[in-house]
């Protein structure tokens, strides 16, 4: 299953819904290119990872690169709805201390309230 992306706005926050495999190659490049374009315009972004069925080191590296790209562009990325596989990998690599991770999309959106846009 290839990676499928869709975007929408919730309370002024850009949501990127991700479904499929987040792996090295086309899938990672697609997510990276999409988010890099969007983060310039919308500084507040939530990656909804509820549909991610598999992630490898390339996919994890892409998430780290996007986090860095967002910060260099005065933007922020929050992760929401992580599957067990993704959350286990973030704990194993200790990246759970780097990313802002939320149980639900709404919690991630609400976390932006009160922050400077």
Foldseek 3Di string as FASTA:
>chain_A
DAWDWDWDADPLEIEIEIAEEQEPDPRLVVVLVVLLVVCLPRQHYEYEDQRHPYYDPNSVVSVVVSQVSSVVNNHHYAYECHDPRVVVVCVVVVVPVVHHYYDHPVVSVVVCVVPDD
